Amino acid sequence: MLKALRWKLTLLYLFAAVALVSIGGFGTYLLIDRYFQQTTDLALQYKMALQFRILGLSVPEELEDAETQWLQNNQDILAPVLASDLPSNSDDHSDDDSHDNQGNETDNRESYFYNAELAAIFVVMLDGGGDPISVPGVPVPPGSYSIAALDNVQANGYDLRTVDIPGQGRVRLLSYATGTKVPVALQAGRLLSDQDRVLNQYLIYLGILGGIVSVFLAVASWLLAGRSLDPAQKAWDQQQTFVSNASHELRTPLTFIRATADYSLRRKPPAEQAEHLENILNECDYMDELVDDLLLLSRMDANRLKLELDLLSIPKLFAETLTRVQRRAETEGITLVSNDYDITIYADHTRMRQALLILLDNALRFTPAGGKVELTAEKAGKFILIKVSDTGKGIAPEHLPHLFKRFYQVGTPENAENRSNGLGLSIAHTLIEAHHGTIKVESKFGEGAQFTISLPVPKLKD
């Protein structure tokens, strides 16, 4: 019993660990993806602003803001470049040629930095027909421009989108209208294959690391759950041992008391003494039944109840079971009804009969004289349904969820001899579950009750 609880706790801990790893990992993945996109978009805007300046066009305000932000974000890297002398292509250049004014010097050094950092970004100039204008010495990845974005550029002045290019992957494109006839629009783009590769590698590493962490946490959770439940397991084992020993020890005095009372009753004592002796016999029978139930529950809790499974004929099982309660039903004026549907189940003969007797005893105790108790069986798809129904007073809705709990009793019948210890339905429920079946109850107060046992149809060997 506690072993099952240990498994549940371990699975709960593992689920929580996997959930935390997944949330943290994929949250980080989304943050990295968002960072890549924001960085790429800002670089595209910076490159677009620079292209506007190269063409002598008026730079849009948002591109100027992006340009300023990009330079601020990279000022730690850009400062050493601006503070150093640019490498010259020829020793013939004079100081006046290379430093004609401060503005040109800054632009040149920014371009030098730009060539090192933004080489992954390309720029395409489009004419009025949407065709690219080739520029000598400026290679453009084939098919990397987007004609579809041109319509949005003409309507809104700019466009930003991600497109898929066959054979190359995803490309982030920023398009702007120039306000001139040639070129009509500019498109700055960046292939995202390197970013996608980083993200995919991150997912792989996340999966490997998450698996290792989950296994480690599962083992740790199993050990922690075992350590936490160890005192409870010892207490449970001691309780089961006590119940088992106490039940065995009770049998001897009960047998002696019953034998003595029975012997005294056979000697025909006075009426008052006979009544007392009969009460003793009834109490002994009740205690003997309670001891049997406690022993059975103890074996079931300790998983020591062995079932001798075999093919059983439903008509034969019903006949044997009804024979045990027929006389009692006749005495109490209750009619027993059963069908003779020829069905075979795979079950333990003794334990299945015991479960049915518990249900029939429960039905007879709460069915008044003149009532009816039915025991029927039918096949429903892949299951066999065994039903025990009665025409008694029924069960109130608030009791239905608790009927199969140990020692739970709805009420005591008027006949004190038919009292119950509250273990019968719990035992029946456990026995049916041991057969890989289920049991449920349906009832409307004042209209009787129906218990339904569902068992899988046996798979017959060829």
Protein backbone atom coordinates (compact mmCIF):
# COMPACT_ATOMS: atom_id res chain seq x y z
CA MET A 1 0.00 0.00 0.00
CA LEU A 2 2.74 2.44 0.97
CA LYS A 3 4.86 1.21 -1.91
CA ALA A 4 2.17 2.45 -4.30
CA LEU A 5 2.20 5.77 -2.45
CA ARG A 6 5.97 5.91 -2.86
CA TRP A 7 5.60 5.46 -6.61
CA LYS A 8 2.99 8.22 -6.72
CA LEU A 9 5.23 10.60 -4.78
CA THR A 10 8.17 9.79 -7.04
CA LEU A 11 6.10 10.42 -10.17
CA LEU A 12 4.81 13.66 -8.65
CA TYR A 13 8.35 14.85 -7.92
CA LEU A 14 9.49 13.80 -11.39
CA PHE A 15 6.58 15.59 -13.05
CA ALA A 16 7.35 18.75 -11.08
CA ALA A 17 11.03 18.53 -12.04
CA VAL A 18 10.27 17.99 -15.74
CA ALA A 19 7.78 20.87 -15.64
CA LEU A 20 10.34 23.21 -14.08
CA VAL A 21 13.07 22.17 -16.53
CA SER A 22 10.67 22.55 -19.47
CA ILE A 23 9.39 25.95 -18.36
CA GLY A 24 12.89 27.24 -17.65
CA GLY A 25 14.40 25.74 -20.80
CA PHE A 26 11.74 26.85 -23.24
CA GLY A 27 11.44 30.19 -21.51
CA THR A 28 15.17 30.69 -22.09
CA TYR A 29 14.73 29.50 -25.68
CA LEU A 30 12.06 32.14 -26.27
CA LEU A 31 14.24 34.81 -24.68
CA ILE A 32 17.20 33.88 -26.89
CA ASP A 33 14.98 33.84 -29.97
CA ARG A 34 13.56 37.22 -28.99
CA TYR A 35 17.05 38.60 -28.43
CA PHE A 36 18.19 37.38 -31.83
CA GLN A 37 15.19 38.99 -33.50
CA GLN A 38 15.59 42.34 -31.75
CA THR A 39 19.32 42.43 -32.42
CA THR A 40 18.82 41.50 -36.07
CA ASP A 41 16.07 44.07 -36.57
CA LEU A 42 18.19 46.81 -35.01
CA ALA A 43 21.17 45.88 -37.19
CA LEU A 44 18.95 45.88 -40.28
CA GLN A 45 17.68 49.35 -39.42
CA TYR A 46 21.23 50.58 -38.88
CA LYS A 47 22.33 49.16 -42.21
CA MET A 48 19.28 50.64 -43.91
CA ALA A 49 20.04 54.09 -42.43
CA LEU A 50 23.63 53.84 -43.66
CA GLN A 51 22.42 52.89 -47.14
CA PHE A 52 20.15 55.93 -47.18
CA ARG A 53 23.16 58.12 -46.35
CA ILE A 54 25.30 56.51 -49.02
CA LEU A 55 22.61 57.25 -51.63
CA GLY A 56 22.27 60.81 -50.36
CA LEU A 57 18.64 60.29 -49.33
CA SER A 58 16.80 61.72 -46.36
CA VAL A 59 16.96 59.18 -43.51
CA PRO A 60 13.55 58.44 -41.93
CA GLU A 61 13.25 59.47 -38.32
CA GLU A 62 12.76 55.93 -36.98
CA LEU A 63 15.92 54.79 -38.79
CA GLU A 64 17.87 57.67 -37.24
CA ASP A 65 16.65 56.61 -33.79
CA ALA A 66 17.62 53.01 -34.51
CA GLU A 67 21.02 54.16 -35.76
CA THR A 68 21.63 56.10 -32.57
CA GLN A 69 20.52 53.17 -30.40
CA TRP A 70 22.72 50.72 -32.32
CA LEU A 71 25.77 52.95 -31.90
CA GLN A 72 25.06 53.36 -28.19
CA ASN A 73 24.68 49.62 -27.73
CA ASN A 74 28.01 49.04 -29.43
CA GLN A 75 29.96 52.02 -28.14
CA ASP A 76 32.26 49.82 -26.04
CA ILE A 77 33.34 48.02 -29.20
CA LEU A 78 33.22 51.05 -31.46
CA ALA A 79 35.34 53.37 -29.23
CA PRO A 80 38.72 51.68 -29.88
CA VAL A 81 38.04 51.77 -33.63
CA LEU A 82 37.17 55.46 -33.61
CA ALA A 83 40.24 56.25 -31.49
CA SER A 84 42.67 54.50 -33.83
CA ASP A 85 44.00 55.46 -37.25
CA LEU A 86 42.38 53.73 -40.17
CA PRO A 87 44.66 51.52 -42.27
CA SER A 88 45.40 53.27 -45.53
CA ASN A 89 45.40 51.60 -48.90
CA SER A 90 48.33 53.70 -50.13
CA ASP A 91 51.25 55.49 -48.58
CA ASP A 92 50.71 58.34 -51.03
CA HIS A 93 47.68 59.61 -49.14
CA SER A 94 48.39 62.78 -47.23
CA ASP A 95 47.00 63.71 -43.82
CA ASP A 96 44.66 66.17 -45.50
CA ASP A 97 43.25 63.42 -47.74
CA SER A 98 42.61 61.00 -44.92
CA HIS A 99 41.44 63.58 -42.38
CA ASP A 100 39.70 66.21 -44.46
CA ASN A 101 37.11 66.80 -41.70
CA GLN A 102 35.93 65.24 -38.46
CA GLY A 103 32.62 64.10 -39.89
CA ASN A 104 34.15 62.19 -42.78
CA GLU A 105 36.66 60.56 -40.41
CA THR A 106 33.83 59.34 -38.17
CA ASP A 107 31.81 58.05 -41.11
CA ASN A 108 34.81 56.16 -42.47
CA ARG A 109 35.62 54.58 -39.13
CA GLU A 110 31.99 53.62 -38.61
CA SER A 111 32.06 52.02 -42.04
CA TYR A 112 35.24 50.16 -41.07
CA PHE A 113 33.50 48.85 -37.95
CA TYR A 114 30.38 48.14 -39.92
CA ASN A 115 32.34 46.01 -42.42
CA ALA A 116 33.60 43.85 -39.55
CA GLU A 117 30.36 43.46 -37.60
CA LEU A 118 27.52 43.59 -40.12
CA ALA A 119 28.92 41.57 -43.00
CA ALA A 120 26.04 39.09 -42.70
CA ILE A 121 23.56 41.76 -43.84
CA PHE A 122 23.02 42.37 -47.53
CA VAL A 123 21.16 45.21 -49.27
CA VAL A 124 19.13 44.92 -52.47
CA MET A 125 17.89 47.89 -54.51
CA LEU A 126 14.62 47.33 -56.37
CA ASP A 127 13.31 49.17 -59.40
CA GLY A 128 9.68 50.01 -60.11
CA GLY A 129 8.99 46.53 -61.45
CA GLY A 130 10.31 44.86 -58.33
CA ASP A 131 13.46 43.61 -60.03
CA PRO A 132 16.83 43.89 -58.24
CA ILE A 133 19.35 46.44 -59.44
CA SER A 134 22.75 44.81 -59.58
CA VAL A 135 25.71 46.68 -58.07
CA PRO A 136 29.21 45.62 -59.11
CA GLY A 137 31.16 44.05 -56.27
CA VAL A 138 28.12 43.65 -54.01
CA PRO A 139 27.00 40.00 -54.01
CA VAL A 140 23.40 39.22 -53.06
CA PRO A 141 22.19 35.72 -52.15
CA PRO A 142 20.04 34.47 -55.05
CA GLY A 143 16.33 34.81 -54.44
CA SER A 144 16.88 36.57 -51.13
CA TYR A 145 14.75 39.60 -51.96
CA SER A 146 10.95 39.64 -51.62
CA ILE A 147 8.72 41.13 -54.32
CA ALA A 148 5.68 40.47 -52.10
CA ALA A 149 6.97 43.00 -49.58
CA LEU A 150 7.06 45.71 -52.27
CA ASP A 151 3.26 46.12 -52.24
CA ASN A 152 3.28 46.72 -48.49
CA VAL A 153 6.19 49.17 -48.88
CA GLN A 154 4.27 51.19 -51.45
CA ALA A 155 1.27 51.32 -49.12
CA ASN A 156 2.99 51.95 -45.76
CA GLY A 157 6.44 53.14 -46.65
CA TYR A 158 8.22 50.17 -45.07
CA ASP A 159 7.87 46.43 -44.39
CA LEU A 160 9.48 43.99 -41.94
CA ARG A 161 8.99 40.26 -42.30
CA THR A 162 10.63 36.85 -42.20
CA VAL A 163 10.50 34.77 -45.37
CA ASP A 164 11.53 31.20 -46.18
CA ILE A 165 13.83 30.80 -49.15
CA PRO A 166 14.17 27.28 -50.59
CA GLY A 167 17.67 25.96 -50.18
CA GLN A 168 18.75 28.80 -47.86
CA GLY A 169 16.33 28.87 -44.96
CA ARG A 170 14.75 31.80 -43.22
CA VAL A 171 15.66 35.40 -44.06
CA ARG A 172 14.74 38.50 -42.08
CA LEU A 173 13.92 41.34 -44.50
CA LEU A 174 13.51 45.06 -43.88
CA SER A 175 12.14 47.03 -46.83
CA TYR A 176 11.88 50.82 -47.22
CA ALA A 177 10.60 53.11 -49.96
CA THR A 178 13.23 55.60 -51.13
CA GLY A 179 10.87 58.23 -52.54
CA THR A 180 12.83 58.22 -55.83
CA LYS A 181 12.24 56.57 -59.15
CA VAL A 182 15.48 54.58 -59.06
CA PRO A 183 15.75 52.74 -56.83
CA VAL A 184 12.11 52.60 -55.77
CA ALA A 185 12.82 50.57 -52.63
CA LEU A 186 15.66 49.16 -50.58
CA GLN A 187 15.67 45.79 -48.90
CA ALA A 188 18.15 44.86 -46.17
CA GLY A 189 18.22 41.19 -45.27
CA ARG A 190 20.02 38.70 -43.10
CA LEU A 191 20.10 34.93 -43.38
CA LEU A 192 18.99 33.38 -40.09
CA SER A 193 20.54 29.96 -40.64
CA ASP A 194 23.26 30.56 -38.04
CA GLN A 195 20.72 31.69 -35.45
CA ASP A 196 18.47 28.70 -36.22
CA ARG A 197 21.45 26.40 -35.85
CA VAL A 198 22.26 27.88 -32.43
CA LEU A 199 18.65 27.53 -31.31
CA ASN A 200 18.44 23.92 -32.54
CA GLN A 201 21.69 23.05 -30.77
CA TYR A 202 20.33 24.67 -27.64
CA LEU A 203 17.20 22.47 -27.82
CA ILE A 204 19.34 19.36 -28.24
CA TYR A 205 21.55 20.25 -25.30
CA LEU A 206 18.46 21.19 -23.29
CA GLY A 207 16.91 17.80 -24.02
CA ILE A 208 20.07 15.93 -23.03
CA LEU A 209 20.62 18.00 -19.90
CA GLY A 210 16.94 17.86 -19.01
CA GLY A 211 16.93 14.07 -19.36
CA ILE A 212 19.99 13.71 -17.14
CA VAL A 213 18.55 16.08 -14.54
CA SER A 214 15.17 14.32 -14.64
CA VAL A 215 16.75 10.90 -14.09
CA PHE A 216 18.83 12.27 -11.24
CA LEU A 217 15.78 13.89 -9.66
CA ALA A 218 13.73 10.71 -10.15
CA VAL A 219 16.32 8.66 -8.27
CA ALA A 220 16.63 11.32 -5.59
CA SER A 221 12.83 11.53 -5.32
CA TRP A 222 12.55 7.76 -4.99
CA LEU A 223 15.11 7.73 -2.19
CA LEU A 224 13.57 10.78 -0.50
CA ALA A 225 10.06 9.35 -0.72
CA GLY A 226 11.30 6.03 0.68
CA ARG A 227 13.05 7.77 3.55
CA SER A 228 9.96 9.87 4.29
CA LEU A 229 7.63 6.88 4.23
CA ASP A 230 9.94 4.51 6.07
CA PRO A 231 8.51 5.28 9.55
CA ALA A 232 4.98 4.99 8.19
CA GLN A 233 5.86 1.70 6.47
CA LYS A 234 7.25 0.28 9.71
CA ALA A 235 4.15 1.39 11.60
CA TRP A 236 1.94 -0.11 8.89
CA ASP A 237 3.82 -3.42 9.00
CA GLN A 238 3.54 -3.51 12.78
CA GLN A 239 -0.18 -2.79 12.54
CA GLN A 240 -0.69 -5.59 10.03
CA THR A 241 1.28 -7.98 12.20
CA PHE A 242 -0.75 -6.98 15.25
CA VAL A 243 -4.07 -7.42 13.42
CA SER A 244 -3.02 -10.79 12.09
CA ASN A 245 -1.74 -12.02 15.48
CA ALA A 246 -4.69 -10.60 17.37
CA SER A 247 -7.13 -12.21 14.96
CA HIS A 248 -5.48 -15.60 15.37
CA GLU A 249 -5.39 -15.21 19.16
CA LEU A 250 -9.09 -14.31 19.26
CA ARG A 251 -10.13 -17.49 17.49
CA THR A 252 -9.30 -19.79 20.39
CA PRO A 253 -11.35 -18.01 23.11
CA LEU A 254 -14.19 -17.37 20.66
CA THR A 255 -14.34 -21.04 19.77
CA PHE A 256 -14.33 -22.01 23.44
CA ILE A 257 -17.02 -19.47 24.36
CA ARG A 258 -19.24 -20.57 21.49
CA ALA A 259 -18.80 -24.25 22.26
CA THR A 260 -19.62 -23.67 25.93
CA ALA A 261 -22.71 -21.59 25.14
CA ASP A 262 -23.90 -24.12 22.58
CA TYR A 263 -23.41 -26.99 25.05
CA SER A 264 -25.28 -25.13 27.75
CA LEU A 265 -28.12 -24.33 25.34
CA ARG A 266 -28.48 -27.99 24.38
CA ARG A 267 -29.16 -28.89 28.03
CA LYS A 268 -32.41 -26.92 27.79
CA PRO A 269 -31.89 -24.30 30.49
CA PRO A 270 -34.67 -22.00 31.72
CA ALA A 271 -36.06 -19.57 29.17
CA GLU A 272 -34.20 -16.55 30.55
CA GLN A 273 -30.86 -18.36 30.51
CA ALA A 274 -31.57 -19.73 27.04
CA GLU A 275 -32.11 -16.21 25.76
CA HIS A 276 -28.79 -15.09 27.23
CA LEU A 277 -27.01 -18.09 25.71
CA GLU A 278 -28.49 -17.37 22.29
CA ASN A 279 -27.23 -13.79 22.58
CA ILE A 280 -23.78 -15.15 23.37
CA LEU A 281 -23.92 -17.39 20.30
CA ASN A 282 -24.98 -14.48 18.09
CA GLU A 283 -22.16 -12.31 19.42
CA CYS A 284 -19.68 -15.14 18.89
CA ASP A 285 -20.84 -15.51 15.28
CA TYR A 286 -20.50 -11.75 14.78
CA MET A 287 -17.02 -11.72 16.31
CA ASP A 288 -15.99 -14.74 14.25
CA GLU A 289 -17.11 -12.98 11.08
CA LEU A 290 -15.23 -9.84 12.10
CA VAL A 291 -12.05 -11.83 12.74
CA ASP A 292 -12.33 -13.49 9.32
CA ASP A 293 -12.78 -10.12 7.65
CA LEU A 294 -9.81 -8.62 9.47
CA LEU A 295 -7.59 -11.54 8.52
CA LEU A 296 -8.67 -11.26 4.89
CA LEU A 297 -8.02 -7.51 4.81
CA SER A 298 -4.64 -8.04 6.44
CA ARG A 299 -3.63 -10.51 3.74
CA MET A 300 -4.89 -8.24 0.98
CA ASP A 301 -3.08 -5.20 2.37
CA ALA A 302 0.13 -7.20 2.55
CA ASN A 303 -0.40 -8.54 -1.01
CA ARG A 304 -0.42 -12.08 0.36
CA LEU A 305 -3.82 -13.03 -1.00
CA LYS A 306 -3.33 -15.53 -3.81
CA LEU A 307 -6.07 -16.00 -6.37
CA GLU A 308 -6.58 -19.36 -8.04
CA LEU A 309 -7.88 -18.11 -11.36
CA ASP A 310 -9.83 -20.41 -13.65
CA LEU A 311 -12.71 -20.34 -16.10
CA LEU A 312 -16.02 -20.22 -14.21
CA SER A 313 -19.52 -20.75 -15.51
CA ILE A 314 -21.82 -17.90 -14.45
CA PRO A 315 -24.96 -20.10 -14.14
CA LYS A 316 -23.09 -22.56 -11.91
CA LEU A 317 -21.60 -19.78 -9.79
CA PHE A 318 -24.99 -18.10 -9.40
CA ALA A 319 -26.67 -21.39 -8.40
CA GLU A 320 -24.09 -22.09 -5.69
CA THR A 321 -24.25 -18.54 -4.38
CA LEU A 322 -28.05 -18.32 -4.26
CA THR A 323 -28.24 -21.64 -2.44
CA ARG A 324 -26.34 -20.04 0.45
CA VAL A 325 -28.92 -17.24 0.89
CA GLN A 326 -32.11 -18.94 -0.34
CA ARG A 327 -33.31 -20.04 3.09
CA ARG A 328 -32.68 -16.65 4.60
CA ALA A 329 -34.57 -14.94 1.79
CA GLU A 330 -37.56 -17.24 2.27
CA THR A 331 -37.54 -16.62 6.01
CA GLU A 332 -37.57 -12.84 5.50
CA GLY A 333 -40.17 -13.00 2.73
CA ILE A 334 -37.86 -11.74 -0.03
CA THR A 335 -37.93 -13.08 -3.58
CA LEU A 336 -34.65 -14.03 -5.28
CA VAL A 337 -34.44 -13.69 -9.05
CA SER A 338 -31.60 -14.76 -11.35
CA ASN A 339 -31.06 -15.18 -15.08
CA ASP A 340 -29.41 -18.20 -16.67
CA TYR A 341 -27.35 -16.37 -19.29
CA ASP A 342 -24.54 -18.73 -20.28
CA ILE A 343 -21.36 -16.70 -19.73
CA THR A 344 -17.88 -17.72 -18.68
CA ILE A 345 -15.56 -15.55 -16.58
CA TYR A 346 -11.92 -15.92 -15.54
CA ALA A 347 -11.85 -15.66 -11.74
CA ASP A 348 -11.15 -17.31 -8.42
CA HIS A 349 -14.21 -19.41 -7.57
CA THR A 350 -14.06 -18.92 -3.79
CA ARG A 351 -13.30 -15.20 -3.83
CA MET A 352 -15.83 -14.35 -6.53
CA ARG A 353 -18.54 -16.22 -4.64
CA GLN A 354 -17.50 -14.37 -1.49
CA ALA A 355 -17.87 -11.01 -3.24
CA LEU A 356 -21.34 -11.95 -4.53
CA LEU A 357 -22.41 -13.17 -1.09
CA ILE A 358 -21.37 -9.83 0.40
CA LEU A 359 -23.48 -7.94 -2.14
CA LEU A 360 -26.46 -10.27 -1.69
CA ASP A 361 -26.19 -10.03 2.10
CA ASN A 362 -26.16 -6.24 1.82
CA ALA A 363 -29.23 -6.31 -0.44
CA LEU A 364 -31.16 -8.69 1.83
CA ARG A 365 -30.41 -6.64 4.95
CA PHE A 366 -31.94 -3.49 3.47
CA THR A 367 -34.84 -5.05 1.56
CA PRO A 368 -38.14 -5.34 3.46
CA ALA A 369 -40.46 -8.35 3.36
CA GLY A 370 -42.25 -8.65 0.04
CA GLY A 371 -39.31 -7.10 -1.79
CA LYS A 372 -37.12 -8.57 -4.51
CA VAL A 373 -33.38 -9.10 -5.00
CA GLU A 374 -32.01 -9.82 -8.47
CA LEU A 375 -28.71 -11.40 -9.48
CA THR A 376 -28.11 -11.11 -13.23
CA ALA A 377 -25.28 -11.16 -15.75
CA GLU A 378 -24.86 -9.87 -19.29
CA LYS A 379 -22.13 -9.26 -21.84
CA ALA A 380 -21.41 -5.66 -22.87
CA GLY A 381 -18.66 -5.40 -25.47
CA LYS A 382 -15.33 -6.41 -23.96
CA PHE A 383 -16.78 -6.66 -20.44
CA ILE A 384 -19.10 -8.93 -18.48
CA LEU A 385 -21.51 -7.13 -16.15
CA ILE A 386 -22.79 -8.84 -13.02
CA LYS A 387 -25.56 -6.89 -11.29
CA VAL A 388 -27.07 -7.22 -7.82
CA SER A 389 -30.16 -5.05 -7.44
CA ASP A 390 -32.86 -4.77 -4.79
CA THR A 391 -36.14 -3.01 -4.13
CA GLY A 392 -35.14 -1.75 -0.69
CA LYS A 393 -35.18 1.77 0.64
CA GLY A 394 -32.15 2.81 -1.41
CA ILE A 395 -29.12 4.86 -0.45
CA ALA A 396 -29.00 8.62 0.07
CA PRO A 397 -26.71 10.47 -2.38
CA GLU A 398 -24.35 11.69 0.37
CA HIS A 399 -23.46 8.09 1.26
CA LEU A 400 -22.66 6.82 -2.24
CA PRO A 401 -19.03 8.12 -2.45
CA HIS A 402 -18.14 6.44 0.87
CA LEU A 403 -19.79 3.01 0.58
CA PHE A 404 -16.58 1.12 -0.19
CA LYS A 405 -14.59 2.64 2.67
CA ARG A 406 -13.73 0.43 5.62
CA PHE A 407 -16.09 0.50 8.60
CA TYR A 408 -18.42 2.92 6.83
CA GLN A 409 -22.07 2.11 7.47
CA VAL A 410 -25.14 3.80 6.05
CA GLY A 411 -27.37 2.69 8.90
CA THR A 412 -28.31 -0.26 11.08
CA PRO A 413 -31.24 -2.41 9.93
CA GLU A 414 -34.18 -2.85 12.27
CA ASN A 415 -33.20 -6.50 12.73
CA ALA A 416 -30.19 -6.47 15.06
CA GLU A 417 -29.19 -9.94 13.92
CA ASN A 418 -28.43 -8.55 10.47
CA ARG A 419 -26.02 -5.90 11.66
CA SER A 420 -22.76 -5.40 9.77
CA ASN A 421 -19.20 -4.52 10.76
CA GLY A 422 -18.80 -2.14 7.81
CA LEU A 423 -16.08 -4.20 6.12
CA GLY A 424 -18.12 -6.22 3.63
CA LEU A 425 -18.35 -3.76 0.74
CA SER A 426 -14.71 -2.77 1.21
CA ILE A 427 -13.70 -6.45 0.93
CA ALA A 428 -15.90 -6.95 -2.14
CA HIS A 429 -14.37 -3.87 -3.77
CA THR A 430 -10.82 -5.11 -3.12
CA LEU A 431 -11.61 -8.64 -4.36
CA ILE A 432 -13.08 -7.33 -7.60
CA GLU A 433 -10.08 -5.05 -8.17
CA ALA A 434 -7.82 -8.07 -7.61
CA HIS A 435 -9.61 -9.63 -10.61
CA HIS A 436 -8.80 -6.50 -12.69
CA GLY A 437 -12.43 -5.48 -12.54
CA THR A 438 -14.45 -2.58 -11.18
CA ILE A 439 -17.53 -2.23 -9.01
CA LYS A 440 -19.91 0.69 -8.81
CA VAL A 441 -23.23 1.48 -7.16
CA GLU A 442 -26.28 3.33 -8.41
CA SER A 443 -29.20 4.22 -6.20
CA LYS A 444 -32.07 6.60 -5.71
CA PHE A 445 -33.27 7.00 -2.17
CA GLY A 446 -36.53 5.10 -1.76
CA GLU A 447 -36.14 3.16 -5.03
CA GLY A 448 -33.58 0.49 -4.17
CA ALA A 449 -29.95 0.10 -5.16
CA GLN A 450 -27.92 -1.66 -7.85
CA PHE A 451 -24.30 -2.82 -7.59
CA THR A 452 -22.57 -3.56 -10.91
CA ILE A 453 -19.41 -5.65 -11.23
CA SER A 454 -17.49 -5.21 -14.48
CA LEU A 455 -15.01 -7.95 -15.45
CA PRO A 456 -13.02 -8.30 -18.68
CA VAL A 457 -14.14 -10.98 -21.08
CA PRO A 458 -11.69 -13.92 -20.79
CA LYS A 459 -9.40 -14.48 -23.76
CA LEU A 460 -9.87 -18.11 -24.70
CA LYS A 461 -6.87 -19.95 -26.10
CA ASP A 462 -7.22 -21.61 -29.48
